[in-house]
Amino acid sequence: MRILVTNDDGIYSPGLWALAEAASRFGEVFVAAPDTEQSATGHAITIAHPVRAYPHPAPLSTPQFPAYRVRGTPADCVALGLHLFGGADLVLSGVNLGSNLGHEIWHSGTVAAAKQGRLFGLSAAAFSVRLNGEAPDFQALRPWLLRTLETLLRLERPFLVNVNFPLRPKGFLWTRQSVRAYEGVVVPGEDPMGRPFYWFAAKPRAEAEEGTDRWAVDQGFIAATPLRLDLTDEARLQPVLADD
């Protein structure tokens, strides 16, 4: 199996190389990742200028996978990586330093990279780990990462799955996406030059429902959520078509 590994945290992220090392148990690994952090870029692609890529050595602490650092978005990295390495069977994105749960998948560059792989007709998965003020211990997470990859590779292909880890997992659950309402929060501030700036944030109006990705991670479980590319609201579409 040929496996393309990417992320949105950038080529220097330890989560990228932890995922690449785990993936190497299942096939031939290639890496194409952004040269700088691209968090929350969603599924943006570069069209206003050329995208450049440079060979990049893997850290000495990991196996030496063929790798490129790309001046582009996570979606760019997948498209260019598949071109540079002559295709792949599987696209893996992550492990992101921070969760991609519920509504966060809409703007996640990590999930977008996996979606780009699925748009190319490939199986793909995104991996993220929640942060609670401490750095993830990828050595401790490695057995869970391997078990999760084994589970995904038993699925009917092609698939698209979003996976989120707690810092210390106690099990694995299949979940649905947490969908809940949020209140937008704008927090004003002032820089040392007296110029105003604003932090944008959001707070939930309700707790996560049981069986959702956010609920599972809150309970200490790995949350694996199958996704699809078709966003059509069938329940709303069918009555409209019937009326016509």
C-alpha atoms as a PDB file:
ATOM      1  CA  MET A   1       0.000   0.000   0.000  1.00  0.00           C
ATOM      2  CA  ARG A   2       1.224   3.510  -0.861  1.00  0.00           C
ATOM      3  CA  ILE A   3       0.344   6.055   1.830  1.00  0.00           C
ATOM      4  CA  LEU A   4       0.572   9.845   1.570  1.00  0.00           C
ATOM      5  CA  VAL A   5       0.842  11.572   4.958  1.00  0.00           C
ATOM      6  CA  THR A   6       0.168  15.286   5.410  1.00  0.00           C
ATOM      7  CA  ASN A   7      -1.145  17.770   7.995  1.00  0.00           C
ATOM      8  CA  ASP A   8      -2.005  21.417   8.600  1.00  0.00           C
ATOM      9  CA  ASP A   9       0.374  22.068  11.521  1.00  0.00           C
ATOM     10  CA  GLY A  10       3.359  22.074   9.175  1.00  0.00           C
ATOM     11  CA  ILE A  11       6.332  19.924   8.285  1.00  0.00           C
ATOM     12  CA  TYR A  12       7.995  20.355  11.700  1.00  0.00           C
ATOM     13  CA  SER A  13       5.059  19.070  13.768  1.00  0.00           C
ATOM     14  CA  PRO A  14       5.812  15.966  15.866  1.00  0.00           C
ATOM     15  CA  GLY A  15       2.301  14.701  15.167  1.00  0.00           C
ATOM     16  CA  LEU A  16       3.062  14.450  11.440  1.00  0.00           C
ATOM     17  CA  TRP A  17       6.061  12.194  11.963  1.00  0.00           C
ATOM     18  CA  ALA A  18       4.290  10.110  14.617  1.00  0.00           C
ATOM     19  CA  LEU A  19       1.551   9.384  12.072  1.00  0.00           C
ATOM     20  CA  ALA A  20       4.062   8.688   9.297  1.00  0.00           C
ATOM     21  CA  GLU A  21       5.952   6.232  11.510  1.00  0.00           C
ATOM     22  CA  ALA A  22       2.741   4.419  12.506  1.00  0.00           C
ATOM     23  CA  ALA A  23       1.543   4.314   8.890  1.00  0.00           C
ATOM     24  CA  SER A  24       4.825   2.722   7.802  1.00  0.00           C
ATOM     25  CA  ARG A  25       3.634  -0.478   9.529  1.00  0.00           C
ATOM     26  CA  PHE A  26       0.997  -0.782   6.788  1.00  0.00           C
ATOM     27  CA  GLY A  27       2.738   0.350   3.614  1.00  0.00           C
ATOM     28  CA  GLU A  28       5.176   2.628   1.811  1.00  0.00           C
ATOM     29  CA  VAL A  29       4.977   6.145   3.244  1.00  0.00           C
ATOM     30  CA  PHE A  30       5.511   9.512   1.552  1.00  0.00           C
ATOM     31  CA  VAL A  31       5.158  12.910   3.239  1.00  0.00           C
ATOM     32  CA  ALA A  32       4.025  16.238   1.785  1.00  0.00           C
ATOM     33  CA  ALA A  33       3.199  18.914   4.359  1.00  0.00           C
ATOM     34  CA  PRO A  34       2.987  22.722   4.537  1.00  0.00           C
ATOM     35  CA  ASP A  35       6.184  24.620   5.245  1.00  0.00           C
ATOM     36  CA  THR A  36       4.330  26.760   7.824  1.00  0.00           C
ATOM     37  CA  GLU A  37       1.286  26.211  10.016  1.00  0.00           C
ATOM     38  CA  GLN A  38      -1.999  26.246   8.059  1.00  0.00           C
ATOM     39  CA  SER A  39      -4.495  25.652  10.858  1.00  0.00           C
ATOM     40  CA  ALA A  40      -8.134  26.614  10.182  1.00  0.00           C
ATOM     41  CA  THR A  41      -7.519  27.180   6.461  1.00  0.00           C
ATOM     42  CA  GLY A  42     -10.306  24.764   5.586  1.00  0.00           C
ATOM     43  CA  HIS A  43     -10.300  23.434   2.033  1.00  0.00           C
ATOM     44  CA  ALA A  44      -8.546  26.444   0.526  1.00  0.00           C
ATOM     45  CA  ILE A  45      -6.467  25.830  -2.590  1.00  0.00           C
ATOM     46  CA  THR A  46      -3.839  28.077  -4.144  1.00  0.00           C
ATOM     47  CA  ILE A  47      -4.749  29.543  -7.538  1.00  0.00           C
ATOM     48  CA  ALA A  48      -3.213  33.050  -7.549  1.00  0.00           C
ATOM     49  CA  HIS A  49       0.416  31.899  -7.804  1.00  0.00           C
ATOM     50  CA  PRO A  50       2.470  28.741  -8.346  1.00  0.00           C
ATOM     51  CA  VAL A  51       2.933  26.257  -5.519  1.00  0.00           C
ATOM     52  CA  ARG A  52       6.523  25.345  -4.683  1.00  0.00           C
ATOM     53  CA  ALA A  53       7.833  22.208  -2.989  1.00  0.00           C
ATOM     54  CA  TYR A  54      11.258  21.401  -1.547  1.00  0.00           C
ATOM     55  CA  PRO A  55      12.720  18.040  -0.461  1.00  0.00           C
ATOM     56  CA  HIS A  56      12.784  17.842   3.320  1.00  0.00           C
ATOM     57  CA  PRO A  57      14.615  15.393   5.596  1.00  0.00           C
ATOM     58  CA  ALA A  58      12.669  13.537   8.247  1.00  0.00           C
ATOM     59  CA  PRO A  59      13.748  14.027  11.882  1.00  0.00           C
ATOM     60  CA  LEU A  60      16.673  11.810  12.866  1.00  0.00           C
ATOM     61  CA  SER A  61      14.463  10.142  15.482  1.00  0.00           C
ATOM     62  CA  THR A  62      12.137   8.695  12.822  1.00  0.00           C
ATOM     63  CA  PRO A  63      12.549   6.537   9.710  1.00  0.00           C
ATOM     64  CA  GLN A  64      13.691   8.556   6.702  1.00  0.00           C
ATOM     65  CA  PHE A  65      10.587   8.843   4.536  1.00  0.00           C
ATOM     66  CA  PRO A  66      10.648  10.705   1.199  1.00  0.00           C
ATOM     67  CA  ALA A  67       9.224  14.111   2.087  1.00  0.00           C
ATOM     68  CA  TYR A  68       8.474  17.543   0.678  1.00  0.00           C
ATOM     69  CA  ARG A  69       7.684  20.802   2.450  1.00  0.00           C
ATOM     70  CA  VAL A  70       5.137  22.685   0.404  1.00  0.00           C
ATOM     71  CA  ARG A  71       4.432  26.408   0.220  1.00  0.00           C
ATOM     72  CA  GLY A  72       0.705  25.888   0.111  1.00  0.00           C
ATOM     73  CA  THR A  73      -2.379  24.725   1.943  1.00  0.00           C
ATOM     74  CA  PRO A  74      -3.106  21.214   3.240  1.00  0.00           C
ATOM     75  CA  ALA A  75      -5.310  20.560   0.199  1.00  0.00           C
ATOM     76  CA  ASP A  76      -2.443  21.743  -2.034  1.00  0.00           C
ATOM     77  CA  CYS A  77      -0.127  19.293  -0.281  1.00  0.00           C
ATOM     78  CA  VAL A  78      -2.366  16.348  -1.104  1.00  0.00           C
ATOM     79  CA  ALA A  79      -2.804  17.294  -4.760  1.00  0.00           C
ATOM     80  CA  LEU A  80       0.901  18.010  -5.230  1.00  0.00           C
ATOM     81  CA  GLY A  81       2.040  15.063  -3.132  1.00  0.00           C
ATOM     82  CA  LEU A  82       0.008  12.637  -5.234  1.00  0.00           C
ATOM     83  CA  HIS A  83       1.591  14.152  -8.334  1.00  0.00           C
ATOM     84  CA  LEU A  84       5.170  14.119  -7.042  1.00  0.00           C
ATOM     85  CA  PHE A  85       5.019  10.584  -5.658  1.00  0.00           C
ATOM     86  CA  GLY A  86       3.059   9.067  -8.525  1.00  0.00           C
ATOM     87  CA  GLY A  87      -0.190   8.455  -6.689  1.00  0.00           C
ATOM     88  CA  ALA A  88      -1.201   6.630  -3.520  1.00  0.00           C
ATOM     89  CA  ASP A  89      -3.817   4.258  -2.148  1.00  0.00           C
ATOM     90  CA  LEU A  90      -4.467   6.074   1.123  1.00  0.00           C
ATOM     91  CA  VAL A  91      -4.209   9.658   2.429  1.00  0.00           C
ATOM     92  CA  LEU A  92      -3.660  10.256   6.148  1.00  0.00           C
ATOM     93  CA  SER A  93      -3.720  13.736   7.701  1.00  0.00           C
ATOM     94  CA  GLY A  94      -2.437  14.698  11.166  1.00  0.00           C
ATOM     95  CA  VAL A  95      -1.892  14.016  13.933  1.00  0.00           C
ATOM     96  CA  ASN A  96      -3.200  17.531  14.537  1.00  0.00           C
ATOM     97  CA  LEU A  97      -2.176  19.301  17.751  1.00  0.00           C
ATOM     98  CA  GLY A  98      -5.680  20.135  18.890  1.00  0.00           C
ATOM     99  CA  SER A  99      -9.095  18.582  18.378  1.00  0.00           C
ATOM    100  CA  ASN A 100     -11.262  18.717  15.256  1.00  0.00           C
ATOM    101  CA  LEU A 101     -14.642  17.899  16.767  1.00  0.00           C
ATOM    102  CA  GLY A 102     -18.173  18.860  15.815  1.00  0.00           C
ATOM    103  CA  HIS A 103     -18.385  22.153  13.941  1.00  0.00           C
ATOM    104  CA  GLU A 104     -14.576  22.390  13.860  1.00  0.00           C
ATOM    105  CA  ILE A 105     -14.463  20.062  10.846  1.00  0.00           C
ATOM    106  CA  TRP A 106     -15.911  22.872   8.705  1.00  0.00           C
ATOM    107  CA  HIS A 107     -12.762  24.987   8.989  1.00  0.00           C
ATOM    108  CA  SER A 108     -10.185  22.298   9.778  1.00  0.00           C
ATOM    109  CA  GLY A 109      -7.231  22.111   7.422  1.00  0.00           C
ATOM    110  CA  THR A 110      -6.523  18.641   8.812  1.00  0.00           C
ATOM    111  CA  VAL A 111      -9.933  17.312   7.774  1.00  0.00           C
ATOM    112  CA  ALA A 112      -9.761  19.213   4.465  1.00  0.00           C
ATOM    113  CA  ALA A 113      -6.563  17.379   3.520  1.00  0.00           C
ATOM    114  CA  ALA A 114      -8.337  14.069   4.054  1.00  0.00           C
ATOM    115  CA  LYS A 115     -11.324  15.331   2.067  1.00  0.00           C
ATOM    116  CA  GLN A 116      -8.982  16.252  -0.776  1.00  0.00           C
ATOM    117  CA  GLY A 117      -7.724  12.695  -0.826  1.00  0.00           C
ATOM    118  CA  ARG A 118     -11.299  11.399  -0.937  1.00  0.00           C
ATOM    119  CA  LEU A 119     -12.074  13.808  -3.813  1.00  0.00           C
ATOM    120  CA  PHE A 120      -9.283  12.086  -5.718  1.00  0.00           C
ATOM    121  CA  GLY A 121     -11.159   8.816  -5.206  1.00  0.00           C
ATOM    122  CA  LEU A 122      -8.908   7.531  -2.409  1.00  0.00           C
ATOM    123  CA  SER A 123      -9.592   6.345   1.107  1.00  0.00           C
ATOM    124  CA  ALA A 124      -8.606   8.984   3.635  1.00  0.00           C
ATOM    125  CA  ALA A 125      -8.613   9.743   7.350  1.00  0.00           C
ATOM    126  CA  ALA A 126      -7.875  12.757   9.545  1.00  0.00           C
ATOM    127  CA  PHE A 127      -6.309  12.389  13.002  1.00  0.00           C
ATOM    128  CA  SER A 128      -6.323  14.934  15.831  1.00  0.00           C
ATOM    129  CA  VAL A 129      -5.531  14.900  19.533  1.00  0.00           C
ATOM    130  CA  ARG A 130      -7.134  17.121  22.157  1.00  0.00           C
ATOM    131  CA  LEU A 131      -4.852  19.477  24.078  1.00  0.00           C
ATOM    132  CA  ASN A 132      -5.513  20.348  27.713  1.00  0.00           C
ATOM    133  CA  GLY A 133      -2.536  22.553  28.436  1.00  0.00           C
ATOM    134  CA  GLU A 134      -0.045  19.733  27.977  1.00  0.00           C
ATOM    135  CA  ALA A 135       1.824  18.306  24.993  1.00  0.00           C
ATOM    136  CA  PRO A 136       0.662  14.940  23.642  1.00  0.00           C
ATOM    137  CA  ASP A 137       2.798  11.916  24.434  1.00  0.00           C
ATOM    138  CA  PHE A 138       2.928  10.342  20.978  1.00  0.00           C
ATOM    139  CA  GLN A 139       4.886   7.363  22.254  1.00  0.00           C
ATOM    140  CA  ALA A 140       2.025   6.553  24.619  1.00  0.00           C
ATOM    141  CA  LEU A 141      -0.541   7.172  21.861  1.00  0.00           C
ATOM    142  CA  ARG A 142       1.284   4.969  19.350  1.00  0.00           C
ATOM    143  CA  PRO A 143      -0.470   1.666  20.269  1.00  0.00           C
ATOM    144  CA  TRP A 144      -3.860   3.381  19.963  1.00  0.00           C
ATOM    145  CA  LEU A 145      -2.857   4.949  16.677  1.00  0.00           C
ATOM    146  CA  LEU A 146      -1.868   1.536  15.314  1.00  0.00           C
ATOM    147  CA  ARG A 147      -5.108  -0.069  16.530  1.00  0.00           C
ATOM    148  CA  THR A 148      -7.130   2.709  14.928  1.00  0.00           C
ATOM    149  CA  LEU A 149      -5.326   2.334  11.610  1.00  0.00           C
ATOM    150  CA  GLU A 150      -5.946  -1.415  11.713  1.00  0.00           C
ATOM    151  CA  THR A 151      -9.655  -0.763  12.312  1.00  0.00           C
ATOM    152  CA  LEU A 152      -9.915   1.740   9.458  1.00  0.00           C
ATOM    153  CA  LEU A 153      -8.128  -0.522   7.008  1.00  0.00           C
ATOM    154  CA  ARG A 154     -10.771  -3.195   7.593  1.00  0.00           C
ATOM    155  CA  LEU A 155     -13.492  -0.828   6.305  1.00  0.00           C
ATOM    156  CA  GLU A 156     -14.991  -1.076   2.858  1.00  0.00           C
ATOM    157  CA  ARG A 157     -13.134   1.319   0.565  1.00  0.00           C
ATOM    158  CA  PRO A 158     -13.119   4.122  -0.248  1.00  0.00           C
ATOM    159  CA  PHE A 159     -13.785   5.704   3.146  1.00  0.00           C
ATOM    160  CA  LEU A 160     -13.445   9.110   4.777  1.00  0.00           C
ATOM    161  CA  VAL A 161     -13.142   9.152   8.578  1.00  0.00           C
ATOM    162  CA  ASN A 162     -12.400  11.867  11.113  1.00  0.00           C
ATOM    163  CA  VAL A 163     -10.589  10.529  14.215  1.00  0.00           C
ATOM    164  CA  ASN A 164     -10.040  12.395  17.483  1.00  0.00           C
ATOM    165  CA  PHE A 165      -7.916  11.168  20.400  1.00  0.00           C
ATOM    166  CA  PRO A 166      -8.091  12.204  24.041  1.00  0.00           C
ATOM    167  CA  LEU A 167      -4.684  12.577  25.662  1.00  0.00           C
ATOM    168  CA  ARG A 168      -5.060   9.230  27.461  1.00  0.00           C
ATOM    169  CA  PRO A 169      -7.519   6.989  25.592  1.00  0.00           C
ATOM    170  CA  LYS A 170      -9.400   4.208  27.320  1.00  0.00           C
ATOM    171  CA  GLY A 171     -11.167   2.815  24.262  1.00  0.00           C
ATOM    172  CA  PHE A 172     -12.506   3.356  20.754  1.00  0.00           C
ATOM    173  CA  LEU A 173     -16.010   4.406  19.663  1.00  0.00           C
ATOM    174  CA  TRP A 174     -17.739   5.024  16.348  1.00  0.00           C
ATOM    175  CA  THR A 175     -19.532   8.351  16.677  1.00  0.00           C
ATOM    176  CA  ARG A 176     -21.573  10.939  14.834  1.00  0.00           C
ATOM    177  CA  GLN A 177     -20.628  14.584  14.474  1.00  0.00           C
ATOM    178  CA  SER A 178     -21.614  16.850  17.346  1.00  0.00           C
ATOM    179  CA  VAL A 179     -23.880  19.581  15.976  1.00  0.00           C
ATOM    180  CA  ARG A 180     -24.907  22.295  18.386  1.00  0.00           C
ATOM    181  CA  ALA A 181     -25.524  26.030  18.451  1.00  0.00           C
ATOM    182  CA  TYR A 182     -22.838  28.489  19.493  1.00  0.00           C
ATOM    183  CA  GLU A 183     -22.759  32.097  20.614  1.00  0.00           C
ATOM    184  CA  GLY A 184     -20.149  34.208  18.877  1.00  0.00           C
ATOM    185  CA  VAL A 185     -17.824  36.095  21.195  1.00  0.00           C
ATOM    186  CA  VAL A 186     -15.677  39.089  20.209  1.00  0.00           C
ATOM    187  CA  VAL A 187     -13.045  40.010  22.795  1.00  0.00           C
ATOM    188  CA  PRO A 188     -11.473  43.434  22.163  1.00  0.00           C
ATOM    189  CA  GLY A 189      -7.928  44.325  23.172  1.00  0.00           C
ATOM    190  CA  GLU A 190      -5.167  46.803  22.499  1.00  0.00           C
ATOM    191  CA  ASP A 191      -1.584  46.265  21.326  1.00  0.00           C
ATOM    192  CA  PRO A 192       1.448  48.105  22.826  1.00  0.00           C
ATOM    193  CA  MET A 193       1.043  50.856  20.214  1.00  0.00           C
ATOM    194  CA  GLY A 194      -2.510  51.557  21.346  1.00  0.00           C
ATOM    195  CA  ARG A 195      -4.096  50.014  18.263  1.00  0.00           C
ATOM    196  CA  PRO A 196      -7.254  47.947  18.767  1.00  0.00           C
ATOM    197  CA  PHE A 197      -7.440  44.245  17.955  1.00  0.00           C
ATOM    198  CA  TYR A 198     -10.084  41.569  18.375  1.00  0.00           C
ATOM    199  CA  TRP A 199     -10.091  37.889  19.351  1.00  0.00           C
ATOM    200  CA  PHE A 200     -12.913  35.839  17.875  1.00  0.00           C
ATOM    201  CA  ALA A 201     -14.261  32.919  19.879  1.00  0.00           C
ATOM    202  CA  ALA A 202     -17.449  30.949  20.424  1.00  0.00           C
ATOM    203  CA  LYS A 203     -19.107  29.247  23.366  1.00  0.00           C
ATOM    204  CA  PRO A 204     -21.641  26.391  23.127  1.00  0.00           C
ATOM    205  CA  ARG A 205     -25.243  26.846  24.156  1.00  0.00           C
ATOM    206  CA  ALA A 206     -25.667  23.191  25.122  1.00  0.00           C
ATOM    207  CA  GLU A 207     -23.634  20.173  26.202  1.00  0.00           C
ATOM    208  CA  ALA A 208     -22.552  17.611  23.619  1.00  0.00           C
ATOM    209  CA  GLU A 209     -25.068  14.812  23.065  1.00  0.00           C
ATOM    210  CA  GLU A 210     -24.235  11.221  23.982  1.00  0.00           C
ATOM    211  CA  GLY A 211     -22.878   9.285  21.032  1.00  0.00           C
ATOM    212  CA  THR A 212     -21.250  12.307  19.385  1.00  0.00           C
ATOM    213  CA  ASP A 213     -17.561  12.829  18.742  1.00  0.00           C
ATOM    214  CA  ARG A 214     -17.219  15.571  21.347  1.00  0.00           C
ATOM    215  CA  TRP A 215     -19.032  13.514  23.991  1.00  0.00           C
ATOM    216  CA  ALA A 216     -16.816  10.477  23.315  1.00  0.00           C
ATOM    217  CA  VAL A 217     -13.557  12.405  23.702  1.00  0.00           C
ATOM    218  CA  ASP A 218     -14.925  14.064  26.858  1.00  0.00           C
ATOM    219  CA  GLN A 219     -15.438  10.520  28.230  1.00  0.00           C
ATOM    220  CA  GLY A 220     -11.870   9.492  27.338  1.00  0.00           C
ATOM    221  CA  PHE A 221     -12.625   7.529  24.158  1.00  0.00           C
ATOM    222  CA  ILE A 222     -11.158   7.784  20.686  1.00  0.00           C
ATOM    223  CA  ALA A 223     -13.942   9.148  18.451  1.00  0.00           C
ATOM    224  CA  ALA A 224     -14.087   7.924  14.839  1.00  0.00           C
ATOM    225  CA  THR A 225     -16.710   9.667  12.712  1.00  0.00           C
ATOM    226  CA  PRO A 226     -17.433   8.516   9.149  1.00  0.00           C
ATOM    227  CA  LEU A 227     -17.878  11.512   6.834  1.00  0.00           C
ATOM    228  CA  ARG A 228     -19.222  11.947   3.319  1.00  0.00           C
ATOM    229  CA  LEU A 229     -18.632  14.470   0.566  1.00  0.00           C
ATOM    230  CA  ASP A 230     -22.319  14.936  -0.320  1.00  0.00           C
ATOM    231  CA  LEU A 231     -23.707  17.670   1.957  1.00  0.00           C
ATOM    232  CA  THR A 232     -27.216  17.578   0.455  1.00  0.00           C
ATOM    233  CA  ASP A 233     -29.998  17.834   3.047  1.00  0.00           C
ATOM    234  CA  GLU A 234     -32.099  14.968   1.688  1.00  0.00           C
ATOM    235  CA  ALA A 235     -34.849  15.399   4.299  1.00  0.00           C
ATOM    236  CA  ARG A 236     -35.428  18.965   3.114  1.00  0.00           C
ATOM    237  CA  LEU A 237     -34.908  18.217  -0.589  1.00  0.00           C
ATOM    238  CA  GLN A 238     -37.487  15.451  -0.967  1.00  0.00           C
ATOM    239  CA  PRO A 239     -40.565  17.488   0.152  1.00  0.00           C
ATOM    240  CA  VAL A 240     -39.483  20.351  -2.121  1.00  0.00           C
ATOM    241  CA  LEU A 241     -39.192  17.996  -5.100  1.00  0.00           C
ATOM    242  CA  ALA A 242     -42.574  16.458  -4.263  1.00  0.00           C
ATOM    243  CA  ASP A 243     -44.207  19.914  -4.244  1.00  0.00           C
ATOM    244  CA  ASP A 244     -42.807  20.617  -7.708  1.00  0.00           C
END
